[in-house]
Amino acid sequence: MTLPPKETGITLTTDISQQMAQAIRPAQPRACGAVALSVKQTKRGTALQGLRQSGSFRCLFPRSKSPRLEAVLVNTAGGITGGDDMRVSAEVHAKAALTLTTQAAERAYRAQPGEMGQLQTRLTVAAKGHVNWLPQETILFQGCALSRQLQVDLAEDASALLVEPLVFGRQAMGEEVTQGQFIDRVLLRRSGQELYRDSLRFDGNMQAQLDRPHVAAGARALATLIYVAPDASGQLPRLRSMLPLRAGASLIGADLLVLRLLAADGHELRCSLVPILNHLTQDTLPRCWMI
């Protein structure tokens, strides 16, 4: 009987040791948070009806001169990395109006291999209600892994203004994103029927993908804006006059307007986006956008 060579036994022992070490390695701490709120219309305007918050997600309600209720989301974890799970849901009842924004830019940090951070937002708007979804920029850092989803369900005569700004590294800090993963999905429905669907995916060297002429031609920041309201067609000429060269706006439905912006960096993106948002919100853009 021939015994196996010593090397085989040593290799097997090493493999088993590595597997055992991996199995008992402590899991990295992960952040989870959720905010669920509902608003209703009263004689004095829109008021908070219900609020539930947990984990590292919080919601603040600053005083505002606007008849809409303003809610500011705060991620106390300071950002999102692989394995984090953040969820937002808001329900706007009949004739109520809500503006949702974030205290600061969201940050997607480096993730461990095989782990993906989650950020899910669901908005429901009843008859003659209105919602402004106006988060500040999401900044993607080197090695990030983030899956983001926005779902909006509108009643037949509800309206909405939605924006999603995105920055690929901070150019002023010399940051590059040559490795990372980002998945973004937007679904808009009216009375249960699909009205708008969009999907964006970057995987690997994001800068190389952005440099392609038919992707972003070297831009490092972008934004998508969706406006659903009866006056959407009337807003189109004014918005087009406010756009920079690397931007476009189209009416893709009787009351559905979609606008896209490309910019060299986050600062340039804001310079173009803030006047547009001020116009569409009738100069009631949340104060945290101005800081």
Protein backbone atom coordinates (compact mmCIF):
# COMPACT_ATOMS: atom_id res chain seq x y z
CA MET A 1 0.00 0.00 0.00
CA THR A 2 1.43 3.35 -1.06
CA LEU A 3 1.02 6.26 1.32
CA PRO A 4 0.23 9.71 -0.08
CA PRO A 5 3.17 12.10 -0.05
CA LYS A 6 3.64 14.35 2.94
CA GLU A 7 2.85 17.45 0.94
CA THR A 8 -0.74 16.29 0.36
CA GLY A 9 -1.40 15.94 4.08
CA ILE A 10 0.12 19.32 4.84
CA THR A 11 -1.91 21.04 2.14
CA LEU A 12 -5.13 19.45 3.34
CA THR A 13 -4.44 20.53 6.93
CA THR A 14 -3.73 24.10 5.78
CA ASP A 15 -6.96 24.24 3.76
CA ILE A 16 -9.00 23.01 6.73
CA SER A 17 -7.33 25.54 9.03
CA GLN A 18 -8.10 28.37 6.63
CA GLN A 19 -11.73 27.29 6.33
CA MET A 20 -12.09 27.08 10.11
CA ALA A 21 -10.51 30.49 10.58
CA GLN A 22 -12.88 31.96 8.00
CA ALA A 23 -15.88 30.32 9.67
CA ILE A 24 -15.12 31.75 13.10
CA ARG A 25 -14.08 35.19 11.87
CA PRO A 26 -16.37 37.73 13.58
CA ALA A 27 -18.91 39.44 11.33
CA GLN A 28 -18.35 43.11 10.61
CA PRO A 29 -20.84 45.44 12.35
CA ARG A 30 -23.57 46.57 10.01
CA ALA A 31 -26.01 49.49 10.18
CA CYS A 32 -29.75 49.07 9.74
CA GLY A 33 -32.31 51.84 9.86
CA ALA A 34 -35.88 52.55 8.87
CA VAL A 35 -38.18 55.56 8.78
CA ALA A 36 -41.90 55.21 8.08
CA LEU A 37 -44.15 58.25 8.16
CA SER A 38 -47.58 59.37 7.03
CA VAL A 39 -49.02 62.86 6.61
CA LYS A 40 -52.56 64.23 6.35
CA GLN A 41 -54.22 67.46 5.36
CA THR A 42 -55.69 69.66 8.10
CA LYS A 43 -57.22 73.14 8.25
CA ARG A 44 -53.74 74.56 8.95
CA GLY A 45 -52.02 72.63 6.20
CA THR A 46 -50.24 69.31 6.05
CA ALA A 47 -49.52 67.68 9.42
CA LEU A 48 -47.75 64.57 10.59
CA GLN A 49 -50.11 61.66 11.16
CA GLY A 50 -47.72 58.85 12.08
CA LEU A 51 -43.99 58.30 12.50
CA ARG A 52 -41.90 55.23 13.21
CA GLN A 53 -38.11 55.28 13.17
CA SER A 54 -35.54 52.72 14.14
CA GLY A 55 -31.83 51.96 14.02
CA SER A 56 -29.54 54.54 12.45
CA PHE A 57 -32.25 56.37 10.48
CA ARG A 58 -33.97 59.41 11.99
CA CYS A 59 -36.37 62.06 10.73
CA LEU A 60 -36.42 65.75 11.70
CA PHE A 61 -39.18 68.28 11.01
CA PRO A 62 -37.79 71.82 10.75
CA ARG A 63 -40.07 74.82 10.75
CA SER A 64 -40.99 75.94 7.28
CA LYS A 65 -43.06 78.73 5.76
CA SER A 66 -44.22 76.33 3.06
CA PRO A 67 -47.74 74.84 3.31
CA ARG A 68 -46.05 71.49 2.70
CA LEU A 69 -44.69 69.52 5.62
CA GLU A 70 -40.91 69.25 5.41
CA ALA A 71 -39.13 66.12 6.67
CA VAL A 72 -35.33 65.73 6.81
CA LEU A 73 -33.78 62.26 6.89
CA VAL A 74 -30.63 61.74 8.95
CA ASN A 75 -28.37 58.69 8.66
CA THR A 76 -26.61 58.62 12.02
CA ALA A 77 -24.25 55.89 10.76
CA GLY A 78 -22.57 58.52 8.59
CA GLY A 79 -22.85 56.56 5.35
CA ILE A 80 -23.59 53.18 3.81
CA THR A 81 -21.24 50.25 3.32
CA GLY A 82 -21.67 46.61 2.33
CA GLY A 83 -24.32 44.82 4.38
CA ASP A 84 -26.05 48.00 5.57
CA ASP A 85 -29.81 48.15 5.08
CA MET A 86 -31.68 51.49 5.03
CA ARG A 87 -35.38 51.86 4.28
CA VAL A 88 -37.71 54.84 3.90
CA SER A 89 -41.46 54.77 3.39
CA ALA A 90 -43.85 57.70 3.30
CA GLU A 91 -47.59 57.87 2.78
CA VAL A 92 -49.21 61.13 1.68
CA HIS A 93 -52.96 61.17 2.24
CA ALA A 94 -55.53 63.00 0.12
CA LYS A 95 -54.77 66.68 -0.56
CA ALA A 96 -51.66 66.61 1.67
CA ALA A 97 -48.21 67.73 0.53
CA LEU A 98 -44.84 66.45 1.75
CA THR A 99 -41.24 67.40 1.02
CA LEU A 100 -38.64 64.76 1.89
CA THR A 101 -34.95 65.58 1.83
CA THR A 102 -31.69 64.58 3.55
CA GLN A 103 -29.62 66.51 6.07
CA ALA A 104 -26.45 66.02 4.01
CA ALA A 105 -25.09 64.07 1.08
CA GLU A 106 -25.34 60.30 1.47
CA ARG A 107 -22.02 58.44 1.22
CA ALA A 108 -21.44 54.96 -0.16
CA TYR A 109 -18.15 53.72 1.33
CA ARG A 110 -15.84 50.80 0.52
CA ALA A 111 -17.55 47.43 1.01
CA GLN A 112 -16.19 44.00 1.86
CA PRO A 113 -16.10 41.53 -1.09
CA GLY A 114 -19.50 39.98 -1.74
CA GLU A 115 -21.42 42.49 0.40
CA MET A 116 -23.89 45.05 -0.93
CA GLY A 117 -25.47 47.98 0.88
CA GLN A 118 -29.21 48.55 0.42
CA LEU A 119 -31.15 51.83 0.27
CA GLN A 120 -34.85 51.46 -0.49
CA THR A 121 -37.44 54.22 -0.67
CA ARG A 122 -41.18 53.81 -1.21
CA LEU A 123 -43.58 56.74 -1.55
CA THR A 124 -47.38 56.52 -1.81
CA VAL A 125 -49.48 59.56 -2.70
CA ALA A 126 -53.29 59.63 -2.51
CA ALA A 127 -55.78 61.71 -4.52
CA LYS A 128 -54.73 65.35 -5.07
CA GLY A 129 -51.69 64.80 -2.87
CA HIS A 130 -48.15 65.89 -3.72
CA VAL A 131 -44.67 64.68 -2.79
CA ASN A 132 -41.25 66.23 -3.31
CA TRP A 133 -38.46 63.65 -3.05
CA LEU A 134 -35.35 65.85 -2.91
CA PRO A 135 -32.41 63.99 -1.37
CA GLN A 136 -29.02 65.63 -1.61
CA GLU A 137 -26.22 63.92 -3.55
CA THR A 138 -25.21 60.33 -3.12
CA ILE A 139 -21.40 60.24 -3.26
CA LEU A 140 -19.79 57.00 -4.42
CA PHE A 141 -16.35 56.22 -2.98
CA GLN A 142 -13.66 53.80 -4.14
CA GLY A 143 -14.72 50.17 -3.63
CA CYS A 144 -18.35 50.98 -2.84
CA ALA A 145 -21.20 48.51 -3.38
CA LEU A 146 -24.69 50.01 -3.22
CA SER A 147 -28.09 48.96 -4.51
CA ARG A 148 -30.64 51.78 -4.44
CA GLN A 149 -34.34 51.59 -5.29
CA LEU A 150 -37.04 54.25 -5.50
CA GLN A 151 -40.68 53.22 -5.93
CA VAL A 152 -43.47 55.80 -6.19
CA ASP A 153 -47.18 54.97 -6.34
CA LEU A 154 -49.46 57.84 -7.32
CA ALA A 155 -53.22 58.15 -7.37
CA GLU A 156 -54.75 59.26 -10.68
CA ASP A 157 -54.64 62.98 -9.83
CA ALA A 158 -51.61 63.03 -7.51
CA SER A 159 -48.38 64.84 -8.42
CA ALA A 160 -44.67 64.46 -7.65
CA LEU A 161 -41.24 66.02 -8.06
CA LEU A 162 -38.39 63.51 -7.77
CA VAL A 163 -34.65 64.03 -8.09
CA GLU A 164 -31.63 61.75 -7.61
CA PRO A 165 -28.21 63.49 -7.78
CA LEU A 166 -25.14 61.26 -7.98
CA VAL A 167 -21.43 62.08 -7.60
CA PHE A 168 -18.59 59.69 -8.50
CA GLY A 169 -15.90 60.72 -6.00
CA ARG A 170 -15.12 64.25 -4.85
CA GLN A 171 -13.01 65.84 -7.56
CA ALA A 172 -11.77 68.62 -5.29
CA MET A 173 -10.26 65.93 -3.03
CA GLY A 174 -8.64 64.11 -5.94
CA GLU A 175 -10.80 61.02 -5.38
CA GLU A 176 -11.14 58.38 -8.09
CA VAL A 177 -13.61 55.50 -8.38
CA THR A 178 -11.81 52.85 -10.40
CA GLN A 179 -13.50 49.96 -8.61
CA GLY A 180 -17.05 49.71 -7.29
CA GLN A 181 -20.59 48.62 -7.90
CA PHE A 182 -23.73 50.73 -8.06
CA ILE A 183 -27.25 49.64 -9.04
CA ASP A 184 -30.08 52.16 -9.21
CA ARG A 185 -33.73 51.45 -10.00
CA VAL A 186 -36.66 53.85 -10.28
CA LEU A 187 -40.27 52.73 -10.70
CA LEU A 188 -43.18 55.16 -10.96
CA ARG A 189 -46.77 53.94 -11.09
CA ARG A 190 -50.13 55.67 -11.38
CA SER A 191 -53.27 53.88 -10.21
CA GLY A 192 -51.28 50.64 -10.26
CA GLN A 193 -50.18 51.06 -13.88
CA GLU A 194 -46.51 51.49 -14.71
CA LEU A 195 -45.80 55.06 -15.81
CA TYR A 196 -41.99 55.23 -15.77
CA ARG A 197 -39.14 52.79 -15.20
CA ASP A 198 -35.42 53.48 -15.25
CA SER A 199 -32.35 51.47 -14.33
CA LEU A 200 -28.68 52.35 -14.00
CA ARG A 201 -25.77 50.01 -13.30
CA PHE A 202 -22.04 50.53 -12.90
CA ASP A 203 -19.74 47.63 -12.15
CA GLY A 204 -15.95 47.71 -12.03
CA ASN A 205 -14.01 50.76 -13.22
CA MET A 206 -16.67 53.47 -13.02
CA GLN A 207 -14.36 56.20 -14.32
CA ALA A 208 -13.59 54.24 -17.48
CA GLN A 209 -17.30 53.72 -18.07
CA LEU A 210 -18.07 57.40 -17.48
CA ASP A 211 -15.34 58.41 -19.93
CA ARG A 212 -17.10 56.65 -22.81
CA PRO A 213 -18.58 59.25 -25.22
CA HIS A 214 -22.06 57.74 -25.21
CA VAL A 215 -22.19 57.27 -21.41
CA ALA A 216 -21.05 60.50 -19.77
CA ALA A 217 -18.12 61.77 -21.89
CA GLY A 218 -15.94 62.30 -18.81
CA ALA A 219 -18.57 63.74 -16.46
CA ARG A 220 -18.22 62.79 -12.78
CA ALA A 221 -21.68 63.87 -11.57
CA LEU A 222 -25.20 63.40 -12.88
CA ALA A 223 -28.81 63.88 -11.86
CA THR A 224 -32.18 62.60 -12.99
CA LEU A 225 -35.28 64.70 -12.34
CA ILE A 226 -38.86 63.51 -12.81
CA TYR A 227 -41.81 65.88 -12.65
CA VAL A 228 -45.37 64.55 -12.73
CA ALA A 229 -48.02 67.27 -12.68
CA PRO A 230 -50.74 68.78 -14.91
CA ASP A 231 -48.45 71.72 -15.78
CA ALA A 232 -45.54 69.52 -16.91
CA SER A 233 -45.85 70.52 -20.58
CA GLY A 234 -46.00 74.20 -19.64
CA GLN A 235 -42.80 73.88 -17.61
CA LEU A 236 -40.78 72.36 -20.45
CA PRO A 237 -39.78 75.58 -22.31
CA ARG A 238 -38.67 77.33 -19.10
CA LEU A 239 -36.65 74.35 -17.90
CA ARG A 240 -34.90 73.95 -21.23
CA SER A 241 -33.84 77.58 -21.09
CA MET A 242 -32.21 76.90 -17.68
CA LEU A 243 -30.23 73.85 -18.77
CA PRO A 244 -26.45 73.75 -19.34
CA LEU A 245 -25.02 72.27 -22.53
CA ARG A 246 -24.73 68.72 -21.13
CA ALA A 247 -28.38 68.29 -20.19
CA GLY A 248 -31.75 67.60 -21.73
CA ALA A 249 -35.44 67.62 -20.84
CA SER A 250 -38.28 65.79 -22.56
CA LEU A 251 -42.01 65.40 -22.13
CA ILE A 252 -42.59 61.64 -22.32
CA GLY A 253 -46.25 61.75 -21.33
CA ALA A 254 -49.12 64.21 -21.11
CA ASP A 255 -47.99 65.26 -17.64
CA LEU A 256 -44.64 63.50 -17.25
CA LEU A 257 -41.40 65.42 -17.70
CA VAL A 258 -37.93 63.86 -17.36
CA LEU A 259 -34.70 65.83 -17.15
CA ARG A 260 -31.08 64.63 -17.06
CA LEU A 261 -27.99 66.59 -16.14
CA LEU A 262 -24.28 65.82 -16.53
CA ALA A 263 -21.57 67.84 -14.80
CA ALA A 264 -17.83 67.77 -14.23
CA ASP A 265 -18.26 67.53 -10.45
CA GLY A 266 -20.73 67.94 -7.61
CA HIS A 267 -20.33 71.72 -7.40
CA GLU A 268 -21.11 72.23 -11.07
CA LEU A 269 -24.08 69.89 -10.75
CA ARG A 270 -25.53 71.94 -7.88
CA CYS A 271 -25.07 75.20 -9.74
CA SER A 272 -27.34 73.87 -12.48
CA LEU A 273 -29.75 71.86 -10.33
CA VAL A 274 -30.58 74.27 -7.48
CA PRO A 275 -32.19 76.97 -9.68
CA ILE A 276 -34.31 74.30 -11.39
CA LEU A 277 -35.47 72.86 -8.06
CA ASN A 278 -36.17 76.35 -6.72
CA HIS A 279 -38.33 77.05 -9.74
CA LEU A 280 -40.32 73.79 -9.53
CA THR A 281 -40.80 74.09 -5.75
CA GLN A 282 -41.79 77.77 -6.03
CA ASP A 283 -38.76 78.88 -4.02
CA THR A 284 -39.42 76.48 -1.15
CA LEU A 285 -36.34 74.31 -1.62
CA PRO A 286 -35.34 72.95 1.84
CA ARG A 287 -32.82 75.09 3.69
CA CYS A 288 -30.34 72.21 4.06
CA TRP A 289 -29.80 72.39 0.29
CA MET A 290 -28.45 75.92 0.73
CA ILE A 291 -25.90 75.15 3.46
